[in-house]
Amino acid sequence: MDYLPGILSGESGEVFMAFFKEHLKGLFAYARESEGFAVPRDYIQNHMVCDFAETVRWWTRNTRYTPEEISSFFFETTPLL
């Protein structure tokens, strides 16, 4: 965890985030269609990928939270999982 702030704040931060988000697409490939809403699966997947990646970025600036707390924040705000 100690190395992430440096990676994300450096010149290569956006490159890292692009690769990270590409990897996350595979992890969130199972994203289901939202029931009762006209939201395409690829939109849901994109939303989850961006939410998770930005949660990691946010956490690097707010390190007083534990991994368990961060996980809880993510799952509380991402009800589609």
PDB file of N, CA and C in Angstrom:
ATOM      1  N   MET A   1       0.823  -1.206   0.000  1.00  0.00           N
ATOM      2  CA  MET A   1       0.000   0.000   0.000  1.00  0.00           C
ATOM      3  C   MET A   1       0.861   1.261   0.000  1.00  0.00           C
ATOM      4  N   ASP A   2       2.041   1.195   0.630  1.00  0.00           N
ATOM      5  CA  ASP A   2       2.885   2.374   0.755  1.00  0.00           C
ATOM      6  C   ASP A   2       3.368   2.913  -0.585  1.00  0.00           C
ATOM      7  N   TYR A   3       3.457   2.066  -1.581  1.00  0.00           N
ATOM      8  CA  TYR A   3       3.959   2.481  -2.884  1.00  0.00           C
ATOM      9  C   TYR A   3       2.873   3.095  -3.778  1.00  0.00           C
ATOM     10  N   LEU A   4       1.613   2.828  -3.511  1.00  0.00           N
ATOM     11  CA  LEU A   4       0.532   3.305  -4.376  1.00  0.00           C
ATOM     12  C   LEU A   4       0.448   4.829  -4.500  1.00  0.00           C
ATOM     13  N   PRO A   5       0.548   5.585  -3.423  1.00  0.00           N
ATOM     14  CA  PRO A   5       0.477   7.045  -3.599  1.00  0.00           C
ATOM     15  C   PRO A   5       1.530   7.566  -4.564  1.00  0.00           C
ATOM     16  N   GLY A   6       2.734   7.006  -4.502  1.00  0.00           N
ATOM     17  CA  GLY A   6       3.792   7.438  -5.405  1.00  0.00           C
ATOM     18  C   GLY A   6       3.486   7.097  -6.848  1.00  0.00           C
ATOM     19  N   ILE A   7       2.965   5.894  -7.067  1.00  0.00           N
ATOM     20  CA  ILE A   7       2.623   5.474  -8.430  1.00  0.00           C
ATOM     21  C   ILE A   7       1.509   6.353  -8.984  1.00  0.00           C
ATOM     22  N   LEU A   8       0.485   6.585  -8.192  1.00  0.00           N
ATOM     23  CA  LEU A   8      -0.677   7.324  -8.676  1.00  0.00           C
ATOM     24  C   LEU A   8      -0.426   8.818  -8.822  1.00  0.00           C
ATOM     25  N   SER A   9       0.508   9.356  -8.077  1.00  0.00           N
ATOM     26  CA  SER A   9       0.745  10.796  -8.171  1.00  0.00           C
ATOM     27  C   SER A   9       1.847  11.143  -9.164  1.00  0.00           C
ATOM     28  N   GLY A  10       2.604  10.170  -9.583  1.00  0.00           N
ATOM     29  CA  GLY A  10       3.694  10.429 -10.520  1.00  0.00           C
ATOM     30  C   GLY A  10       3.208  10.589 -11.946  1.00  0.00           C
ATOM     31  N   GLU A  11       4.165  10.789 -12.837  1.00  0.00           N
ATOM     32  CA  GLU A  11       3.849  10.975 -14.244  1.00  0.00           C
ATOM     33  C   GLU A  11       3.145   9.763 -14.847  1.00  0.00           C
ATOM     34  N   SER A  12       3.442   8.601 -14.305  1.00  0.00           N
ATOM     35  CA  SER A  12       2.853   7.374 -14.848  1.00  0.00           C
ATOM     36  C   SER A  12       1.528   7.008 -14.184  1.00  0.00           C
ATOM     37  N   GLY A  13       1.006   7.866 -13.335  1.00  0.00           N
ATOM     38  CA  GLY A  13      -0.226   7.575 -12.611  1.00  0.00           C
ATOM     39  C   GLY A  13      -1.409   7.268 -13.517  1.00  0.00           C
ATOM     40  N   GLU A  14      -1.576   8.057 -14.544  1.00  0.00           N
ATOM     41  CA  GLU A  14      -2.706   7.827 -15.456  1.00  0.00           C
ATOM     42  C   GLU A  14      -2.504   6.577 -16.294  1.00  0.00           C
ATOM     43  N   VAL A  15      -1.247   6.278 -16.635  1.00  0.00           N
ATOM     44  CA  VAL A  15      -0.955   5.038 -17.368  1.00  0.00           C
ATOM     45  C   VAL A  15      -1.294   3.838 -16.484  1.00  0.00           C
ATOM     46  N   PHE A  16      -0.868   3.905 -15.219  1.00  0.00           N
ATOM     47  CA  PHE A  16      -1.184   2.829 -14.282  1.00  0.00           C
ATOM     48  C   PHE A  16      -2.694   2.651 -14.156  1.00  0.00           C
ATOM     49  N   MET A  17      -3.412   3.754 -13.995  1.00  0.00           N
ATOM     50  CA  MET A  17      -4.874   3.669 -13.838  1.00  0.00           C
ATOM     51  C   MET A  17      -5.524   3.065 -15.077  1.00  0.00           C
ATOM     52  N   ALA A  18      -5.041   3.378 -16.256  1.00  0.00           N
ATOM     53  CA  ALA A  18      -5.596   2.806 -17.485  1.00  0.00           C
ATOM     54  C   ALA A  18      -5.407   1.293 -17.501  1.00  0.00           C
ATOM     55  N   PHE A  19      -4.205   0.812 -17.157  1.00  0.00           N
ATOM     56  CA  PHE A  19      -3.966  -0.631 -17.102  1.00  0.00           C
ATOM     57  C   PHE A  19      -4.780  -1.278 -15.988  1.00  0.00           C
ATOM     58  N   PHE A  20      -4.867  -0.611 -14.859  1.00  0.00           N
ATOM     59  CA  PHE A  20      -5.639  -1.131 -13.721  1.00  0.00           C
ATOM     60  C   PHE A  20      -7.105  -1.280 -14.104  1.00  0.00           C
ATOM     61  N   LYS A  21      -7.670  -0.265 -14.736  1.00  0.00           N
ATOM     62  CA  LYS A  21      -9.078  -0.321 -15.143  1.00  0.00           C
ATOM     63  C   LYS A  21      -9.302  -1.411 -16.187  1.00  0.00           C
ATOM     64  N   GLU A  22      -8.348  -1.605 -17.072  1.00  0.00           N
ATOM     65  CA  GLU A  22      -8.477  -2.671 -18.075  1.00  0.00           C
ATOM     66  C   GLU A  22      -8.513  -4.030 -17.382  1.00  0.00           C
ATOM     67  N   HIS A  23      -7.674  -4.212 -16.378  1.00  0.00           N
ATOM     68  CA  HIS A  23      -7.679  -5.458 -15.601  1.00  0.00           C
ATOM     69  C   HIS A  23      -9.000  -5.632 -14.857  1.00  0.00           C
ATOM     70  N   LEU A  24      -9.498  -4.553 -14.305  1.00  0.00           N
ATOM     71  CA  LEU A  24     -10.754  -4.621 -13.556  1.00  0.00           C
ATOM     72  C   LEU A  24     -11.934  -5.009 -14.446  1.00  0.00           C
ATOM     73  N   LYS A  25     -11.878  -4.661 -15.722  1.00  0.00           N
ATOM     74  CA  LYS A  25     -12.961  -5.041 -16.634  1.00  0.00           C
ATOM     75  C   LYS A  25     -13.167  -6.539 -16.623  1.00  0.00           C
ATOM     76  N   GLY A  26     -12.082  -7.288 -16.597  1.00  0.00           N
ATOM     77  CA  GLY A  26     -12.185  -8.743 -16.530  1.00  0.00           C
ATOM     78  C   GLY A  26     -12.777  -9.216 -15.214  1.00  0.00           C
ATOM     79  N   LEU A  27     -12.408  -8.555 -14.138  1.00  0.00           N
ATOM     80  CA  LEU A  27     -12.940  -8.937 -12.830  1.00  0.00           C
ATOM     81  C   LEU A  27     -14.429  -8.643 -12.697  1.00  0.00           C
ATOM     82  N   PHE A  28     -14.870  -7.573 -13.346  1.00  0.00           N
ATOM     83  CA  PHE A  28     -16.280  -7.192 -13.270  1.00  0.00           C
ATOM     84  C   PHE A  28     -17.067  -7.631 -14.500  1.00  0.00           C
ATOM     85  N   ALA A  29     -16.528  -8.565 -15.254  1.00  0.00           N
ATOM     86  CA  ALA A  29     -17.202  -9.046 -16.468  1.00  0.00           C
ATOM     87  C   ALA A  29     -18.542  -9.707 -16.158  1.00  0.00           C
ATOM     88  N   TYR A  30     -18.702 -10.180 -14.939  1.00  0.00           N
ATOM     89  CA  TYR A  30     -19.939 -10.849 -14.546  1.00  0.00           C
ATOM     90  C   TYR A  30     -21.041  -9.866 -14.174  1.00  0.00           C
ATOM     91  N   ALA A  31     -20.778  -8.585 -14.259  1.00  0.00           N
ATOM     92  CA  ALA A  31     -21.776  -7.575 -13.877  1.00  0.00           C
ATOM     93  C   ALA A  31     -23.108  -7.905 -14.541  1.00  0.00           C
ATOM     94  N   ARG A  32     -24.101  -7.957 -13.735  1.00  0.00           N
ATOM     95  CA  ARG A  32     -25.424  -8.350 -14.252  1.00  0.00           C
ATOM     96  C   ARG A  32     -26.204  -7.138 -14.725  1.00  0.00           C
ATOM     97  N   GLU A  33     -27.189  -7.404 -15.540  1.00  0.00           N
ATOM     98  CA  GLU A  33     -28.099  -6.345 -15.958  1.00  0.00           C
ATOM     99  C   GLU A  33     -28.857  -5.869 -14.718  1.00  0.00           C
ATOM    100  N   SER A  34     -29.072  -4.598 -14.613  1.00  0.00           N
ATOM    101  CA  SER A  34     -29.855  -4.108 -13.482  1.00  0.00           C
ATOM    102  C   SER A  34     -31.319  -4.432 -13.739  1.00  0.00           C
ATOM    103  N   GLU A  35     -31.941  -5.016 -12.760  1.00  0.00           N
ATOM    104  CA  GLU A  35     -33.322  -5.447 -12.899  1.00  0.00           C
ATOM    105  C   GLU A  35     -34.273  -4.258 -12.831  1.00  0.00           C
ATOM    106  N   GLY A  36     -35.142  -4.161 -13.803  1.00  0.00           N
ATOM    107  CA  GLY A  36     -36.141  -3.110 -13.799  1.00  0.00           C
ATOM    108  C   GLY A  36     -35.663  -1.774 -14.342  1.00  0.00           C
ATOM    109  N   PHE A  37     -34.416  -1.727 -14.813  1.00  0.00           N
ATOM    110  CA  PHE A  37     -33.875  -0.486 -15.349  1.00  0.00           C
ATOM    111  C   PHE A  37     -33.349  -0.739 -16.757  1.00  0.00           C
ATOM    112  N   ALA A  38     -33.388   0.272 -17.555  1.00  0.00           N
ATOM    113  CA  ALA A  38     -32.881   0.162 -18.920  1.00  0.00           C
ATOM    114  C   ALA A  38     -31.424   0.611 -18.946  1.00  0.00           C
ATOM    115  N   VAL A  39     -30.583  -0.106 -18.225  1.00  0.00           N
ATOM    116  CA  VAL A  39     -29.169   0.225 -18.143  1.00  0.00           C
ATOM    117  C   VAL A  39     -28.383  -0.917 -18.783  1.00  0.00           C
ATOM    118  N   PRO A  40     -27.639  -0.618 -19.828  1.00  0.00           N
ATOM    119  CA  PRO A  40     -26.868  -1.670 -20.494  1.00  0.00           C
ATOM    120  C   PRO A  40     -25.771  -2.254 -19.597  1.00  0.00           C
ATOM    121  N   ARG A  41     -25.483  -3.515 -19.807  1.00  0.00           N
ATOM    122  CA  ARG A  41     -24.460  -4.216 -19.027  1.00  0.00           C
ATOM    123  C   ARG A  41     -23.107  -3.503 -19.106  1.00  0.00           C
ATOM    124  N   ASP A  42     -22.714  -3.026 -20.285  1.00  0.00           N
ATOM    125  CA  ASP A  42     -21.405  -2.383 -20.394  1.00  0.00           C
ATOM    126  C   ASP A  42     -21.346  -1.073 -19.598  1.00  0.00           C
ATOM    127  N   TYR A  43     -22.484  -0.407 -19.431  1.00  0.00           N
ATOM    128  CA  TYR A  43     -22.516   0.794 -18.590  1.00  0.00           C
ATOM    129  C   TYR A  43     -22.288   0.401 -17.127  1.00  0.00           C
ATOM    130  N   ILE A  44     -22.970  -0.650 -16.684  1.00  0.00           N
ATOM    131  CA  ILE A  44     -22.816  -1.109 -15.300  1.00  0.00           C
ATOM    132  C   ILE A  44     -21.370  -1.517 -15.046  1.00  0.00           C
ATOM    133  N   GLN A  45     -20.794  -2.276 -15.981  1.00  0.00           N
ATOM    134  CA  GLN A  45     -19.412  -2.709 -15.835  1.00  0.00           C
ATOM    135  C   GLN A  45     -18.483  -1.498 -15.759  1.00  0.00           C
ATOM    136  N   ASN A  46     -18.659  -0.531 -16.636  1.00  0.00           N
ATOM    137  CA  ASN A  46     -17.834   0.674 -16.623  1.00  0.00           C
ATOM    138  C   ASN A  46     -17.980   1.423 -15.299  1.00  0.00           C
ATOM    139  N   HIS A  47     -19.201   1.524 -14.810  1.00  0.00           N
ATOM    140  CA  HIS A  47     -19.454   2.210 -13.542  1.00  0.00           C
ATOM    141  C   HIS A  47     -18.707   1.525 -12.396  1.00  0.00           C
ATOM    142  N   MET A  48     -18.781   0.208 -12.356  1.00  0.00           N
ATOM    143  CA  MET A  48     -18.125  -0.534 -11.281  1.00  0.00           C
ATOM    144  C   MET A  48     -16.606  -0.420 -11.377  1.00  0.00           C
ATOM    145  N   VAL A  49     -16.067  -0.517 -12.584  1.00  0.00           N
ATOM    146  CA  VAL A  49     -14.624  -0.391 -12.787  1.00  0.00           C
ATOM    147  C   VAL A  49     -14.146   0.980 -12.317  1.00  0.00           C
ATOM    148  N   CYS A  50     -14.816   2.018 -12.759  1.00  0.00           N
ATOM    149  CA  CYS A  50     -14.420   3.384 -12.381  1.00  0.00           C
ATOM    150  C   CYS A  50     -14.578   3.608 -10.883  1.00  0.00           C
ATOM    151  N   ASP A  51     -15.662   3.111 -10.307  1.00  0.00           N
ATOM    152  CA  ASP A  51     -15.903   3.281  -8.878  1.00  0.00           C
ATOM    153  C   ASP A  51     -14.799   2.600  -8.068  1.00  0.00           C
ATOM    154  N   PHE A  52     -14.457   1.375  -8.434  1.00  0.00           N
ATOM    155  CA  PHE A  52     -13.427   0.656  -7.695  1.00  0.00           C
ATOM    156  C   PHE A  52     -12.065   1.326  -7.846  1.00  0.00           C
ATOM    157  N   ALA A  53     -11.696   1.667  -9.083  1.00  0.00           N
ATOM    158  CA  ALA A  53     -10.397   2.299  -9.327  1.00  0.00           C
ATOM    159  C   ALA A  53     -10.285   3.626  -8.578  1.00  0.00           C
ATOM    160  N   GLU A  54     -11.331   4.412  -8.607  1.00  0.00           N
ATOM    161  CA  GLU A  54     -11.294   5.695  -7.906  1.00  0.00           C
ATOM    162  C   GLU A  54     -11.348   5.507  -6.389  1.00  0.00           C
ATOM    163  N   THR A  55     -11.943   4.419  -5.931  1.00  0.00           N
ATOM    164  CA  THR A  55     -11.904   4.105  -4.499  1.00  0.00           C
ATOM    165  C   THR A  55     -10.471   3.848  -4.065  1.00  0.00           C
ATOM    166  N   VAL A  56      -9.728   3.108  -4.872  1.00  0.00           N
ATOM    167  CA  VAL A  56      -8.322   2.851  -4.566  1.00  0.00           C
ATOM    168  C   VAL A  56      -7.536   4.161  -4.559  1.00  0.00           C
ATOM    169  N   ARG A  57      -7.778   5.001  -5.555  1.00  0.00           N
ATOM    170  CA  ARG A  57      -7.085   6.302  -5.599  1.00  0.00           C
ATOM    171  C   ARG A  57      -7.436   7.130  -4.358  1.00  0.00           C
ATOM    172  N   TRP A  58      -8.709   7.158  -3.985  1.00  0.00           N
ATOM    173  CA  TRP A  58      -9.156   7.920  -2.812  1.00  0.00           C
ATOM    174  C   TRP A  58      -8.483   7.391  -1.553  1.00  0.00           C
ATOM    175  N   TRP A  59      -8.395   6.065  -1.464  1.00  0.00           N
ATOM    176  CA  TRP A  59      -7.797   5.446  -0.292  1.00  0.00           C
ATOM    177  C   TRP A  59      -6.334   5.835  -0.127  1.00  0.00           C
ATOM    178  N   THR A  60      -5.619   6.025  -1.230  1.00  0.00           N
ATOM    179  CA  THR A  60      -4.208   6.407  -1.125  1.00  0.00           C
ATOM    180  C   THR A  60      -4.038   7.786  -0.503  1.00  0.00           C
ATOM    181  N   ARG A  61      -5.100   8.584  -0.531  1.00  0.00           N
ATOM    182  CA  ARG A  61      -5.051   9.915   0.087  1.00  0.00           C
ATOM    183  C   ARG A  61      -5.736   9.932   1.457  1.00  0.00           C
ATOM    184  N   ASN A  62      -6.361   8.831   1.818  1.00  0.00           N
ATOM    185  CA  ASN A  62      -7.090   8.735   3.086  1.00  0.00           C
ATOM    186  C   ASN A  62      -6.728   7.426   3.770  1.00  0.00           C
ATOM    187  N   THR A  63      -5.469   7.288   4.122  1.00  0.00           N
ATOM    188  CA  THR A  63      -4.929   6.016   4.602  1.00  0.00           C
ATOM    189  C   THR A  63      -5.315   5.661   6.033  1.00  0.00           C
ATOM    190  N   ARG A  64      -6.074   6.503   6.669  1.00  0.00           N
ATOM    191  CA  ARG A  64      -6.457   6.179   8.047  1.00  0.00           C
ATOM    192  C   ARG A  64      -7.495   5.064   8.092  1.00  0.00           C
ATOM    193  N   TYR A  65      -8.053   4.707   6.936  1.00  0.00           N
ATOM    194  CA  TYR A  65      -9.052   3.645   6.870  1.00  0.00           C
ATOM    195  C   TYR A  65      -8.393   2.302   6.586  1.00  0.00           C
ATOM    196  N   THR A  66      -8.944   1.267   7.163  1.00  0.00           N
ATOM    197  CA  THR A  66      -8.419  -0.085   6.961  1.00  0.00           C
ATOM    198  C   THR A  66      -8.923  -0.647   5.630  1.00  0.00           C
ATOM    199  N   PRO A  67      -8.281  -1.694   5.131  1.00  0.00           N
ATOM    200  CA  PRO A  67      -8.792  -2.338   3.919  1.00  0.00           C
ATOM    201  C   PRO A  67     -10.235  -2.808   4.081  1.00  0.00           C
ATOM    202  N   GLU A  68     -10.567  -3.285   5.261  1.00  0.00           N
ATOM    203  CA  GLU A  68     -11.938  -3.739   5.516  1.00  0.00           C
ATOM    204  C   GLU A  68     -12.937  -2.591   5.440  1.00  0.00           C
ATOM    205  N   GLU A  69     -12.555  -1.438   5.958  1.00  0.00           N
ATOM    206  CA  GLU A  69     -13.440  -0.274   5.887  1.00  0.00           C
ATOM    207  C   GLU A  69     -13.624   0.178   4.442  1.00  0.00           C
ATOM    208  N   ILE A  70     -12.540   0.215   3.693  1.00  0.00           N
ATOM    209  CA  ILE A  70     -12.618   0.623   2.293  1.00  0.00           C
ATOM    210  C   ILE A  70     -13.502  -0.344   1.515  1.00  0.00           C
ATOM    211  N   SER A  71     -13.322  -1.625   1.775  1.00  0.00           N
ATOM    212  CA  SER A  71     -14.157  -2.638   1.126  1.00  0.00           C
ATOM    213  C   SER A  71     -15.625  -2.417   1.465  1.00  0.00           C
ATOM    214  N   SER A  72     -15.884  -2.130   2.706  1.00  0.00           N
ATOM    215  CA  SER A  72     -17.255  -1.861   3.144  1.00  0.00           C
ATOM    216  C   SER A  72     -17.823  -0.631   2.436  1.00  0.00           C
ATOM    217  N   PHE A  73     -17.031   0.416   2.317  1.00  0.00           N
ATOM    218  CA  PHE A  73     -17.489   1.622   1.610  1.00  0.00           C
ATOM    219  C   PHE A  73     -17.878   1.277   0.175  1.00  0.00           C
ATOM    220  N   PHE A  74     -17.015   0.495  -0.487  1.00  0.00           N
ATOM    221  CA  PHE A  74     -17.273   0.131  -1.878  1.00  0.00           C
ATOM    222  C   PHE A  74     -18.562  -0.667  -2.006  1.00  0.00           C
ATOM    223  N   PHE A  75     -18.721  -1.695  -1.174  1.00  0.00           N
ATOM    224  CA  PHE A  75     -19.914  -2.542  -1.282  1.00  0.00           C
ATOM    225  C   PHE A  75     -21.196  -1.817  -0.867  1.00  0.00           C
ATOM    226  N   GLU A  76     -21.085  -0.857   0.033  1.00  0.00           N
ATOM    227  CA  GLU A  76     -22.248  -0.076   0.433  1.00  0.00           C
ATOM    228  C   GLU A  76     -22.730   0.841  -0.682  1.00  0.00           C
ATOM    229  N   THR A  77     -21.811   1.271  -1.523  1.00  0.00           N
ATOM    230  CA  THR A  77     -22.175   2.207  -2.591  1.00  0.00           C
ATOM    231  C   THR A  77     -22.277   1.550  -3.954  1.00  0.00           C
ATOM    232  N   THR A  78     -22.081   0.241  -4.007  1.00  0.00           N
ATOM    233  CA  THR A  78     -22.173  -0.507  -5.260  1.00  0.00           C
ATOM    234  C   THR A  78     -23.133  -1.669  -5.065  1.00  0.00           C
ATOM    235  N   PRO A  79     -24.422  -1.404  -5.054  1.00  0.00           N
ATOM    236  CA  PRO A  79     -25.390  -2.460  -4.745  1.00  0.00           C
ATOM    237  C   PRO A  79     -25.603  -3.476  -5.858  1.00  0.00           C
ATOM    238  N   LEU A  80     -24.943  -3.318  -6.997  1.00  0.00           N
ATOM    239  CA  LEU A  80     -25.172  -4.222  -8.114  1.00  0.00           C
ATOM    240  C   LEU A  80     -24.359  -5.507  -8.004  1.00  0.00           C
ATOM    241  N   LEU A  81     -23.527  -5.626  -7.001  1.00  0.00           N
ATOM    242  CA  LEU A  81     -22.698  -6.825  -6.868  1.00  0.00           C
ATOM    243  C   LEU A  81     -23.474  -7.962  -6.231  1.00  0.00           C
TER     244      LEU A  81
END
